[in-house]
Amino acid sequence: MTAESAVTTCFRHPEVESHVRCTRCDRYICPDCMREASVGHQCVECVQEGARSVRQARTAFGGRISTFPLVTWVLVALNVLAYLAELARPSVVDRFGMLGAGLVGPDGGHYLWQYPYDSVLTPEGVVGGQWERLLTGAFLHMPPDDGIGVVHIVLNMVALVNVGRVVETQLGRARYLALYLLSALGGSVLVLLIAPDVPTVGASGAVFGLGAAYWVMGRRLGYGMRSVNQYMTGLLIWLVISAFATSWQGHLGGLLAGAVVTLAFAYAPRGDRRTLIQWAACAGLLALLLVLAAVKVATLTSGAA
């Protein structure tokens, strides 16, 4: 064997001489391709293959483990930005607040829904095709000069941070976001069904959904239920009091939707099909809420309600 033939090179960079082998595939690797392993060094390809083969840690409900409640803080930021937008332009509330059925006159005035309506009036709200209000209303809050004012958003954001970060850590980000949005939608749909002509804003429906999730998770994971029950008692008391200040329909709808979603997350049987069952339950609830909304709109626009 000649000296020239004894020279070994990196399998990825044939022009670079190398005398170190990957401890996994035994091929020669140069310093640029070396990655430190528990024993020796591995090549880039073996490190990538190892990462793909390692099973990701999951929460008790099947979500990916995360230590920072990113989604909760993003939701808080979106609510605050929406509040700043409505302070700068109050018409944002009129356009994007939750409203099932209303009428707008040629002078821009808002009128209660009636069917049939005069030809000079234009439908607004969900009956007017503004379906986005079912979600956008959950990111708006009472302006400072209306109702409980700025206290509305402060209370909701404090509750969102305190409960949301606990729920997000247990569910994982994707499931947590689904819970939040479906709770918000559930609150808006119940408003549409019971009080379609009442303008409604606020993240309260979603927050009540998080409260229901907190209770269901506590039961499933064996928390000390005293503190959990105390929180839920306070939430239910506020549900009753809110009938005089805010939308109890939105609160109750969010509470029920949040409970349904979390029950599906918590009690879906473990195994390869758990994730499929959990997301199927979310899709089923979404379909049910949209069907109920569509039926109500059809009723309102036919003069049956």
C-alpha atoms as a PDB file:
ATOM      1  CA  MET A   1       0.000   0.000   0.000  1.00  0.00           C
ATOM      2  CA  THR A   2       1.459   3.383  -0.945  1.00  0.00           C
ATOM      3  CA  ALA A   3       1.398   6.451   1.275  1.00  0.00           C
ATOM      4  CA  GLU A   4      -0.935   8.152  -1.163  1.00  0.00           C
ATOM      5  CA  SER A   5      -3.515   5.331  -1.015  1.00  0.00           C
ATOM      6  CA  ALA A   6      -3.434   5.388   2.801  1.00  0.00           C
ATOM      7  CA  VAL A   7      -4.797   8.939   2.923  1.00  0.00           C
ATOM      8  CA  THR A   8      -8.437   8.991   4.072  1.00  0.00           C
ATOM      9  CA  THR A   9     -10.839  11.797   3.280  1.00  0.00           C
ATOM     10  CA  CYS A  10     -14.202  13.045   4.520  1.00  0.00           C
ATOM     11  CA  PHE A  11     -17.092  11.238   2.820  1.00  0.00           C
ATOM     12  CA  ARG A  12     -18.891  14.564   2.375  1.00  0.00           C
ATOM     13  CA  HIS A  13     -15.828  16.563   1.401  1.00  0.00           C
ATOM     14  CA  PRO A  14     -13.509  14.249  -0.554  1.00  0.00           C
ATOM     15  CA  GLU A  15     -10.892  16.985  -0.899  1.00  0.00           C
ATOM     16  CA  VAL A  16     -10.426  17.223   2.891  1.00  0.00           C
ATOM     17  CA  GLU A  17      -8.119  14.706   4.603  1.00  0.00           C
ATOM     18  CA  SER A  18      -9.685  13.106   7.666  1.00  0.00           C
ATOM     19  CA  HIS A  19      -8.722  10.495  10.241  1.00  0.00           C
ATOM     20  CA  VAL A  20     -11.841  10.600  12.453  1.00  0.00           C
ATOM     21  CA  ARG A  21     -14.760   8.223  11.954  1.00  0.00           C
ATOM     22  CA  CYS A  22     -18.438   8.790  12.767  1.00  0.00           C
ATOM     23  CA  THR A  23     -19.245   6.588  15.761  1.00  0.00           C
ATOM     24  CA  ARG A  24     -22.604   5.685  14.220  1.00  0.00           C
ATOM     25  CA  CYS A  25     -21.928   4.979  10.526  1.00  0.00           C
ATOM     26  CA  ASP A  26     -18.116   4.544  10.754  1.00  0.00           C
ATOM     27  CA  ARG A  27     -17.447   6.886   7.821  1.00  0.00           C
ATOM     28  CA  TYR A  28     -14.616   9.401   7.880  1.00  0.00           C
ATOM     29  CA  ILE A  29     -15.638  12.970   8.702  1.00  0.00           C
ATOM     30  CA  CYS A  30     -13.833  16.306   8.649  1.00  0.00           C
ATOM     31  CA  PRO A  31     -14.059  18.952  11.405  1.00  0.00           C
ATOM     32  CA  ASP A  32     -16.866  20.766   9.541  1.00  0.00           C
ATOM     33  CA  CYS A  33     -18.985  17.604   9.564  1.00  0.00           C
ATOM     34  CA  MET A  34     -18.287  16.586  13.162  1.00  0.00           C
ATOM     35  CA  ARG A  35     -21.009  16.859  15.740  1.00  0.00           C
ATOM     36  CA  GLU A  36     -20.280  16.002  19.358  1.00  0.00           C
ATOM     37  CA  ALA A  37     -22.051  12.893  20.625  1.00  0.00           C
ATOM     38  CA  SER A  38     -22.225  11.202  24.009  1.00  0.00           C
ATOM     39  CA  VAL A  39     -19.320   9.060  22.787  1.00  0.00           C
ATOM     40  CA  GLY A  40     -16.985  10.459  20.130  1.00  0.00           C
ATOM     41  CA  HIS A  41     -18.370  12.352  17.155  1.00  0.00           C
ATOM     42  CA  GLN A  42     -21.135  11.785  14.631  1.00  0.00           C
ATOM     43  CA  CYS A  43     -21.627  13.086  11.111  1.00  0.00           C
ATOM     44  CA  VAL A  44     -24.383  15.557  10.185  1.00  0.00           C
ATOM     45  CA  GLU A  45     -26.532  12.903   8.522  1.00  0.00           C
ATOM     46  CA  CYS A  46     -26.445  10.567  11.533  1.00  0.00           C
ATOM     47  CA  VAL A  47     -27.321  13.422  13.894  1.00  0.00           C
ATOM     48  CA  GLN A  48     -30.332  14.334  11.715  1.00  0.00           C
ATOM     49  CA  GLU A  49     -31.416  10.708  11.506  1.00  0.00           C
ATOM     50  CA  GLY A  50     -31.117  10.378  15.278  1.00  0.00           C
ATOM     51  CA  ALA A  51     -33.251  13.465  15.824  1.00  0.00           C
ATOM     52  CA  ARG A  52     -35.970  12.033  13.587  1.00  0.00           C
ATOM     53  CA  SER A  53     -35.963   8.733  15.454  1.00  0.00           C
ATOM     54  CA  VAL A  54     -36.175  10.250  18.943  1.00  0.00           C
ATOM     55  CA  ARG A  55     -39.747  10.296  20.225  1.00  0.00           C
ATOM     56  CA  GLN A  56     -40.881  13.763  21.237  1.00  0.00           C
ATOM     57  CA  ALA A  57     -42.018  14.198  24.844  1.00  0.00           C
ATOM     58  CA  ARG A  58     -45.759  14.829  25.203  1.00  0.00           C
ATOM     59  CA  THR A  59     -48.060  16.214  27.861  1.00  0.00           C
ATOM     60  CA  ALA A  60     -50.669  14.064  29.578  1.00  0.00           C
ATOM     61  CA  PHE A  61     -53.152  15.204  26.908  1.00  0.00           C
ATOM     62  CA  GLY A  62     -50.935  14.475  23.908  1.00  0.00           C
ATOM     63  CA  GLY A  63     -49.601  17.968  23.186  1.00  0.00           C
ATOM     64  CA  ARG A  64     -45.975  18.893  22.728  1.00  0.00           C
ATOM     65  CA  ILE A  65     -44.304  20.045  25.913  1.00  0.00           C
ATOM     66  CA  SER A  66     -43.426  23.749  26.067  1.00  0.00           C
ATOM     67  CA  THR A  67     -42.242  25.721  29.073  1.00  0.00           C
ATOM     68  CA  PHE A  68     -43.120  29.212  27.821  1.00  0.00           C
ATOM     69  CA  PRO A  69     -46.837  30.114  27.317  1.00  0.00           C
ATOM     70  CA  LEU A  70     -46.264  31.736  23.932  1.00  0.00           C
ATOM     71  CA  VAL A  71     -49.854  31.457  22.670  1.00  0.00           C
ATOM     72  CA  THR A  72     -51.239  33.050  25.846  1.00  0.00           C
ATOM     73  CA  TRP A  73     -49.015  36.109  25.479  1.00  0.00           C
ATOM     74  CA  VAL A  74     -49.771  36.370  21.748  1.00  0.00           C
ATOM     75  CA  LEU A  75     -53.496  36.340  22.545  1.00  0.00           C
ATOM     76  CA  VAL A  76     -52.999  39.032  25.182  1.00  0.00           C
ATOM     77  CA  ALA A  77     -51.081  41.137  22.658  1.00  0.00           C
ATOM     78  CA  LEU A  78     -53.829  40.731  20.040  1.00  0.00           C
ATOM     79  CA  ASN A  79     -56.500  41.803  22.529  1.00  0.00           C
ATOM     80  CA  VAL A  80     -54.488  44.846  23.595  1.00  0.00           C
ATOM     81  CA  LEU A  81     -53.762  45.832  19.983  1.00  0.00           C
ATOM     82  CA  ALA A  82     -57.456  45.498  19.135  1.00  0.00           C
ATOM     83  CA  TYR A  83     -58.321  47.692  22.118  1.00  0.00           C
ATOM     84  CA  LEU A  84     -55.863  50.351  20.983  1.00  0.00           C
ATOM     85  CA  ALA A  85     -57.386  50.187  17.509  1.00  0.00           C
ATOM     86  CA  GLU A  86     -60.895  50.784  18.838  1.00  0.00           C
ATOM     87  CA  LEU A  87     -59.652  53.681  20.977  1.00  0.00           C
ATOM     88  CA  ALA A  88     -58.129  55.258  17.874  1.00  0.00           C
ATOM     89  CA  ARG A  89     -61.191  54.498  15.748  1.00  0.00           C
ATOM     90  CA  PRO A  90     -64.402  53.725  17.701  1.00  0.00           C
ATOM     91  CA  SER A  91     -66.120  52.535  14.509  1.00  0.00           C
ATOM     92  CA  VAL A  92     -64.065  49.339  14.805  1.00  0.00           C
ATOM     93  CA  VAL A  93     -66.467  48.133  17.504  1.00  0.00           C
ATOM     94  CA  ASP A  94     -69.506  48.817  15.322  1.00  0.00           C
ATOM     95  CA  ARG A  95     -67.988  46.928  12.419  1.00  0.00           C
ATOM     96  CA  PHE A  96     -66.310  43.961  14.141  1.00  0.00           C
ATOM     97  CA  GLY A  97     -68.133  43.521  17.450  1.00  0.00           C
ATOM     98  CA  MET A  98     -70.353  40.452  17.728  1.00  0.00           C
ATOM     99  CA  LEU A  99     -73.813  41.215  16.358  1.00  0.00           C
ATOM    100  CA  GLY A 100     -76.238  38.619  15.107  1.00  0.00           C
ATOM    101  CA  ALA A 101     -78.759  40.834  13.363  1.00  0.00           C
ATOM    102  CA  GLY A 102     -79.154  44.570  12.903  1.00  0.00           C
ATOM    103  CA  LEU A 103     -79.986  47.196  10.324  1.00  0.00           C
ATOM    104  CA  VAL A 104     -78.078  50.227   9.075  1.00  0.00           C
ATOM    105  CA  GLY A 105     -79.884  53.263   7.719  1.00  0.00           C
ATOM    106  CA  PRO A 106     -78.758  55.524   4.865  1.00  0.00           C
ATOM    107  CA  ASP A 107     -77.694  58.038   7.538  1.00  0.00           C
ATOM    108  CA  GLY A 108     -75.346  55.477   9.129  1.00  0.00           C
ATOM    109  CA  GLY A 109     -77.640  54.969  12.093  1.00  0.00           C
ATOM    110  CA  HIS A 110     -78.087  51.516  13.623  1.00  0.00           C
ATOM    111  CA  TYR A 111     -81.544  50.017  14.064  1.00  0.00           C
ATOM    112  CA  LEU A 112     -83.001  46.893  15.669  1.00  0.00           C
ATOM    113  CA  TRP A 113     -83.539  43.926  13.391  1.00  0.00           C
ATOM    114  CA  GLN A 114     -86.929  43.295  11.881  1.00  0.00           C
ATOM    115  CA  TYR A 115     -88.011  41.220   8.938  1.00  0.00           C
ATOM    116  CA  PRO A 116     -89.135  42.228   6.451  1.00  0.00           C
ATOM    117  CA  TYR A 117     -87.294  45.548   6.566  1.00  0.00           C
ATOM    118  CA  ASP A 118     -87.556  48.739   4.552  1.00  0.00           C
ATOM    119  CA  SER A 119     -85.584  48.780   1.300  1.00  0.00           C
ATOM    120  CA  VAL A 120     -83.566  51.815   2.415  1.00  0.00           C
ATOM    121  CA  LEU A 121     -82.120  49.768   5.294  1.00  0.00           C
ATOM    122  CA  THR A 122     -79.189  47.364   4.983  1.00  0.00           C
ATOM    123  CA  PRO A 123     -78.695  44.229   7.113  1.00  0.00           C
ATOM    124  CA  GLU A 124     -75.603  44.168   9.299  1.00  0.00           C
ATOM    125  CA  GLY A 125     -74.102  41.531  11.540  1.00  0.00           C
ATOM    126  CA  VAL A 126     -74.020  37.815  10.837  1.00  0.00           C
ATOM    127  CA  VAL A 127     -77.327  38.045   8.911  1.00  0.00           C
ATOM    128  CA  GLY A 128     -75.601  40.557   6.652  1.00  0.00           C
ATOM    129  CA  GLY A 129     -72.875  38.054   5.768  1.00  0.00           C
ATOM    130  CA  GLN A 130     -70.390  39.353   8.343  1.00  0.00           C
ATOM    131  CA  TRP A 131     -69.568  35.908   9.732  1.00  0.00           C
ATOM    132  CA  GLU A 132     -66.156  37.054  10.934  1.00  0.00           C
ATOM    133  CA  ARG A 133     -67.918  38.849  13.808  1.00  0.00           C
ATOM    134  CA  LEU A 134     -68.321  35.450  15.494  1.00  0.00           C
ATOM    135  CA  LEU A 135     -64.592  35.596  16.283  1.00  0.00           C
ATOM    136  CA  THR A 136     -63.531  39.236  15.965  1.00  0.00           C
ATOM    137  CA  GLY A 137     -65.965  40.268  18.690  1.00  0.00           C
ATOM    138  CA  ALA A 138     -63.979  38.132  21.133  1.00  0.00           C
ATOM    139  CA  PHE A 139     -60.906  40.337  20.651  1.00  0.00           C
ATOM    140  CA  LEU A 140     -62.696  43.643  21.308  1.00  0.00           C
ATOM    141  CA  HIS A 141     -63.750  45.123  24.658  1.00  0.00           C
ATOM    142  CA  MET A 142     -65.938  47.867  26.080  1.00  0.00           C
ATOM    143  CA  PRO A 143     -64.546  51.367  25.445  1.00  0.00           C
ATOM    144  CA  PRO A 144     -63.623  53.486  28.495  1.00  0.00           C
ATOM    145  CA  ASP A 145     -66.875  55.471  28.387  1.00  0.00           C
ATOM    146  CA  ASP A 146     -69.222  52.463  28.144  1.00  0.00           C
ATOM    147  CA  GLY A 147     -70.352  50.012  30.825  1.00  0.00           C
ATOM    148  CA  ILE A 148     -67.529  48.919  33.099  1.00  0.00           C
ATOM    149  CA  GLY A 149     -65.046  50.550  30.726  1.00  0.00           C
ATOM    150  CA  VAL A 150     -61.362  49.676  30.819  1.00  0.00           C
ATOM    151  CA  VAL A 151     -61.969  47.293  33.753  1.00  0.00           C
ATOM    152  CA  HIS A 152     -63.493  44.940  31.175  1.00  0.00           C
ATOM    153  CA  ILE A 153     -60.264  44.266  29.300  1.00  0.00           C
ATOM    154  CA  VAL A 154     -58.118  44.373  32.457  1.00  0.00           C
ATOM    155  CA  LEU A 155     -60.137  41.632  34.170  1.00  0.00           C
ATOM    156  CA  ASN A 156     -60.179  39.474  31.059  1.00  0.00           C
ATOM    157  CA  MET A 157     -56.441  39.796  30.429  1.00  0.00           C
ATOM    158  CA  VAL A 158     -55.558  39.064  34.057  1.00  0.00           C
ATOM    159  CA  ALA A 159     -57.702  35.917  33.934  1.00  0.00           C
ATOM    160  CA  LEU A 160     -56.250  34.953  30.557  1.00  0.00           C
ATOM    161  CA  VAL A 161     -52.686  35.160  31.841  1.00  0.00           C
ATOM    162  CA  ASN A 162     -53.345  33.433  35.172  1.00  0.00           C
ATOM    163  CA  VAL A 163     -55.385  30.520  33.846  1.00  0.00           C
ATOM    164  CA  GLY A 164     -54.233  30.435  30.243  1.00  0.00           C
ATOM    165  CA  ARG A 165     -50.581  29.774  30.967  1.00  0.00           C
ATOM    166  CA  VAL A 166     -51.495  26.785  33.164  1.00  0.00           C
ATOM    167  CA  VAL A 167     -53.855  25.334  30.566  1.00  0.00           C
ATOM    168  CA  GLU A 168     -51.413  25.944  27.696  1.00  0.00           C
ATOM    169  CA  THR A 169     -48.614  24.145  29.529  1.00  0.00           C
ATOM    170  CA  GLN A 170     -50.821  21.091  30.020  1.00  0.00           C
ATOM    171  CA  LEU A 171     -52.498  20.973  26.607  1.00  0.00           C
ATOM    172  CA  GLY A 172     -49.694  22.132  24.347  1.00  0.00           C
ATOM    173  CA  ARG A 173     -49.920  25.104  22.037  1.00  0.00           C
ATOM    174  CA  ALA A 174     -52.043  23.688  19.204  1.00  0.00           C
ATOM    175  CA  ARG A 175     -54.716  22.171  21.436  1.00  0.00           C
ATOM    176  CA  TYR A 176     -54.750  25.257  23.633  1.00  0.00           C
ATOM    177  CA  LEU A 177     -55.344  27.550  20.644  1.00  0.00           C
ATOM    178  CA  ALA A 178     -58.151  25.294  19.415  1.00  0.00           C
ATOM    179  CA  LEU A 179     -59.725  25.407  22.878  1.00  0.00           C
ATOM    180  CA  TYR A 180     -59.524  29.200  23.036  1.00  0.00           C
ATOM    181  CA  LEU A 181     -61.000  29.811  19.582  1.00  0.00           C
ATOM    182  CA  LEU A 182     -63.778  27.240  19.937  1.00  0.00           C
ATOM    183  CA  SER A 183     -64.707  28.688  23.334  1.00  0.00           C
ATOM    184  CA  ALA A 184     -64.848  32.171  21.815  1.00  0.00           C
ATOM    185  CA  LEU A 185     -66.961  30.845  18.941  1.00  0.00           C
ATOM    186  CA  GLY A 186     -69.252  28.964  21.317  1.00  0.00           C
ATOM    187  CA  GLY A 187     -69.918  32.160  23.242  1.00  0.00           C
ATOM    188  CA  SER A 188     -70.737  34.112  20.087  1.00  0.00           C
ATOM    189  CA  VAL A 189     -73.048  31.399  18.752  1.00  0.00           C
ATOM    190  CA  LEU A 190     -75.070  31.328  21.976  1.00  0.00           C
ATOM    191  CA  VAL A 191     -75.381  35.122  21.755  1.00  0.00           C
ATOM    192  CA  LEU A 192     -76.626  34.708  18.189  1.00  0.00           C
ATOM    193  CA  LEU A 193     -79.162  32.078  19.236  1.00  0.00           C
ATOM    194  CA  ILE A 194     -80.574  33.901  22.279  1.00  0.00           C
ATOM    195  CA  ALA A 195     -79.899  37.619  21.799  1.00  0.00           C
ATOM    196  CA  PRO A 196     -79.087  38.193  18.125  1.00  0.00           C
ATOM    197  CA  ASP A 197     -79.837  41.922  18.212  1.00  0.00           C
ATOM    198  CA  VAL A 198     -77.573  42.693  21.205  1.00  0.00           C
ATOM    199  CA  PRO A 199     -74.048  43.958  20.321  1.00  0.00           C
ATOM    200  CA  THR A 200     -71.456  42.006  22.317  1.00  0.00           C
ATOM    201  CA  VAL A 201     -67.685  42.317  22.756  1.00  0.00           C
ATOM    202  CA  GLY A 202     -65.085  40.727  24.985  1.00  0.00           C
ATOM    203  CA  ALA A 203     -62.793  37.741  25.499  1.00  0.00           C
ATOM    204  CA  SER A 204     -64.935  36.578  28.417  1.00  0.00           C
ATOM    205  CA  GLY A 205     -66.416  33.630  26.515  1.00  0.00           C
ATOM    206  CA  ALA A 206     -62.949  32.311  25.733  1.00  0.00           C
ATOM    207  CA  VAL A 207     -61.811  32.939  29.322  1.00  0.00           C
ATOM    208  CA  PHE A 208     -64.795  31.000  30.674  1.00  0.00           C
ATOM    209  CA  GLY A 209     -63.819  28.184  28.317  1.00  0.00           C
ATOM    210  CA  LEU A 210     -60.326  28.194  29.837  1.00  0.00           C
ATOM    211  CA  GLY A 211     -61.909  28.070  33.298  1.00  0.00           C
ATOM    212  CA  ALA A 212     -63.883  24.976  32.305  1.00  0.00           C
ATOM    213  CA  ALA A 213     -60.682  23.447  30.937  1.00  0.00           C
ATOM    214  CA  TYR A 214     -58.867  24.176  34.194  1.00  0.00           C
ATOM    215  CA  TRP A 215     -61.546  22.305  36.151  1.00  0.00           C
ATOM    216  CA  VAL A 216     -61.690  19.297  33.779  1.00  0.00           C
ATOM    217  CA  MET A 217     -57.887  19.036  33.733  1.00  0.00           C
ATOM    218  CA  GLY A 218     -57.792  19.206  37.516  1.00  0.00           C
ATOM    219  CA  ARG A 219     -60.193  16.276  37.782  1.00  0.00           C
ATOM    220  CA  ARG A 220     -58.314  14.271  35.165  1.00  0.00           C
ATOM    221  CA  LEU A 221     -54.849  14.841  36.623  1.00  0.00           C
ATOM    222  CA  GLY A 222     -55.845  14.516  40.274  1.00  0.00           C
ATOM    223  CA  TYR A 223     -55.140  18.096  41.345  1.00  0.00           C
ATOM    224  CA  GLY A 224     -56.043  19.215  44.839  1.00  0.00           C
ATOM    225  CA  MET A 225     -59.542  20.316  43.854  1.00  0.00           C
ATOM    226  CA  ARG A 226     -60.073  22.803  46.667  1.00  0.00           C
ATOM    227  CA  SER A 227     -58.340  25.683  44.904  1.00  0.00           C
ATOM    228  CA  VAL A 228     -59.761  24.628  41.529  1.00  0.00           C
ATOM    229  CA  ASN A 229     -63.302  24.542  42.924  1.00  0.00           C
ATOM    230  CA  GLN A 230     -62.798  27.928  44.575  1.00  0.00           C
ATOM    231  CA  TYR A 231     -61.784  29.393  41.220  1.00  0.00           C
ATOM    232  CA  MET A 232     -64.757  27.813  39.461  1.00  0.00           C
ATOM    233  CA  THR A 233     -67.117  29.060  42.176  1.00  0.00           C
ATOM    234  CA  GLY A 234     -65.869  32.592  41.616  1.00  0.00           C
ATOM    235  CA  LEU A 235     -66.279  32.139  37.865  1.00  0.00           C
ATOM    236  CA  LEU A 236     -69.861  30.918  38.236  1.00  0.00           C
ATOM    237  CA  ILE A 237     -70.723  33.764  40.616  1.00  0.00           C
ATOM    238  CA  TRP A 238     -69.390  36.190  38.023  1.00  0.00           C
ATOM    239  CA  LEU A 239     -71.522  34.408  35.409  1.00  0.00           C
ATOM    240  CA  VAL A 240     -74.619  35.314  37.435  1.00  0.00           C
ATOM    241  CA  ILE A 241     -73.476  38.871  38.184  1.00  0.00           C
ATOM    242  CA  SER A 242     -72.506  39.411  34.557  1.00  0.00           C
ATOM    243  CA  ALA A 243     -76.139  39.106  33.545  1.00  0.00           C
ATOM    244  CA  PHE A 244     -76.517  42.712  34.732  1.00  0.00           C
ATOM    245  CA  ALA A 245     -73.295  44.119  33.230  1.00  0.00           C
ATOM    246  CA  THR A 246     -72.134  42.015  30.291  1.00  0.00           C
ATOM    247  CA  SER A 247     -73.292  39.124  28.107  1.00  0.00           C
ATOM    248  CA  TRP A 248     -74.126  36.051  30.189  1.00  0.00           C
ATOM    249  CA  GLN A 249     -74.931  34.253  26.946  1.00  0.00           C
ATOM    250  CA  GLY A 250     -71.348  34.673  25.744  1.00  0.00           C
ATOM    251  CA  HIS A 251     -69.981  33.516  29.091  1.00  0.00           C
ATOM    252  CA  LEU A 252     -72.188  30.434  29.246  1.00  0.00           C
ATOM    253  CA  GLY A 253     -71.536  29.515  25.614  1.00  0.00           C
ATOM    254  CA  GLY A 254     -67.782  29.747  26.139  1.00  0.00           C
ATOM    255  CA  LEU A 255     -67.990  27.691  29.337  1.00  0.00           C
ATOM    256  CA  LEU A 256     -69.932  24.885  27.633  1.00  0.00           C
ATOM    257  CA  ALA A 257     -67.746  24.816  24.517  1.00  0.00           C
ATOM    258  CA  GLY A 258     -64.564  24.819  26.597  1.00  0.00           C
ATOM    259  CA  ALA A 259     -65.843  21.935  28.697  1.00  0.00           C
ATOM    260  CA  VAL A 260     -66.698  19.847  25.626  1.00  0.00           C
ATOM    261  CA  VAL A 261     -63.307  20.431  24.002  1.00  0.00           C
ATOM    262  CA  THR A 262     -61.337  19.650  27.159  1.00  0.00           C
ATOM    263  CA  LEU A 263     -63.353  16.522  27.887  1.00  0.00           C
ATOM    264  CA  ALA A 264     -62.385  15.276  24.430  1.00  0.00           C
ATOM    265  CA  PHE A 265     -58.731  16.126  25.034  1.00  0.00           C
ATOM    266  CA  ALA A 266     -58.663  14.613  28.527  1.00  0.00           C
ATOM    267  CA  TYR A 267     -60.609  11.394  28.018  1.00  0.00           C
ATOM    268  CA  ALA A 268     -59.748  10.333  24.465  1.00  0.00           C
ATOM    269  CA  PRO A 269     -58.321   6.787  24.765  1.00  0.00           C
ATOM    270  CA  ARG A 270     -54.540   6.592  24.716  1.00  0.00           C
ATOM    271  CA  GLY A 271     -52.912   5.093  21.656  1.00  0.00           C
ATOM    272  CA  ASP A 272     -52.137   5.879  18.050  1.00  0.00           C
ATOM    273  CA  ARG A 273     -55.664   7.162  17.411  1.00  0.00           C
ATOM    274  CA  ARG A 274     -55.884   9.545  20.370  1.00  0.00           C
ATOM    275  CA  THR A 275     -54.810  12.609  18.390  1.00  0.00           C
ATOM    276  CA  LEU A 276     -57.251  11.753  15.595  1.00  0.00           C
ATOM    277  CA  ILE A 277     -60.122  11.406  18.068  1.00  0.00           C
ATOM    278  CA  GLN A 278     -59.250  14.686  19.797  1.00  0.00           C
ATOM    279  CA  TRP A 279     -59.149  16.697  16.584  1.00  0.00           C
ATOM    280  CA  ALA A 280     -62.254  14.951  15.245  1.00  0.00           C
ATOM    281  CA  ALA A 281     -64.109  16.094  18.370  1.00  0.00           C
ATOM    282  CA  CYS A 282     -62.954  19.679  17.741  1.00  0.00           C
ATOM    283  CA  ALA A 283     -64.045  19.460  14.112  1.00  0.00           C
ATOM    284  CA  GLY A 284     -67.410  18.047  15.178  1.00  0.00           C
ATOM    285  CA  LEU A 285     -67.997  20.878  17.643  1.00  0.00           C
ATOM    286  CA  LEU A 286     -66.975  23.449  15.030  1.00  0.00           C
ATOM    287  CA  ALA A 287     -69.424  21.937  12.534  1.00  0.00           C
ATOM    288  CA  LEU A 288     -72.223  21.900  15.125  1.00  0.00           C
ATOM    289  CA  LEU A 289     -71.678  25.554  16.052  1.00  0.00           C
ATOM    290  CA  LEU A 290     -71.638  26.645  12.410  1.00  0.00           C
ATOM    291  CA  VAL A 291     -74.794  24.650  11.623  1.00  0.00           C
ATOM    292  CA  LEU A 292     -76.601  26.206  14.611  1.00  0.00           C
ATOM    293  CA  ALA A 293     -75.500  29.654  13.457  1.00  0.00           C
ATOM    294  CA  ALA A 294     -76.613  28.997   9.881  1.00  0.00           C
ATOM    295  CA  VAL A 295     -80.015  27.718  11.008  1.00  0.00           C
ATOM    296  CA  LYS A 296     -80.521  30.786  13.203  1.00  0.00           C
ATOM    297  CA  VAL A 297     -79.580  33.133  10.372  1.00  0.00           C
ATOM    298  CA  ALA A 298     -81.984  31.330   8.045  1.00  0.00           C
ATOM    299  CA  THR A 299     -84.726  31.702  10.661  1.00  0.00           C
ATOM    300  CA  LEU A 300     -84.063  35.412  11.114  1.00  0.00           C
ATOM    301  CA  THR A 301     -84.054  36.129   7.392  1.00  0.00           C
ATOM    302  CA  SER A 302     -87.273  34.198   6.818  1.00  0.00           C
ATOM    303  CA  GLY A 303     -89.246  36.157   9.394  1.00  0.00           C
ATOM    304  CA  ALA A 304     -89.829  33.096  11.574  1.00  0.00           C
ATOM    305  CA  ALA A 305     -88.121  34.630  14.604  1.00  0.00           C
END
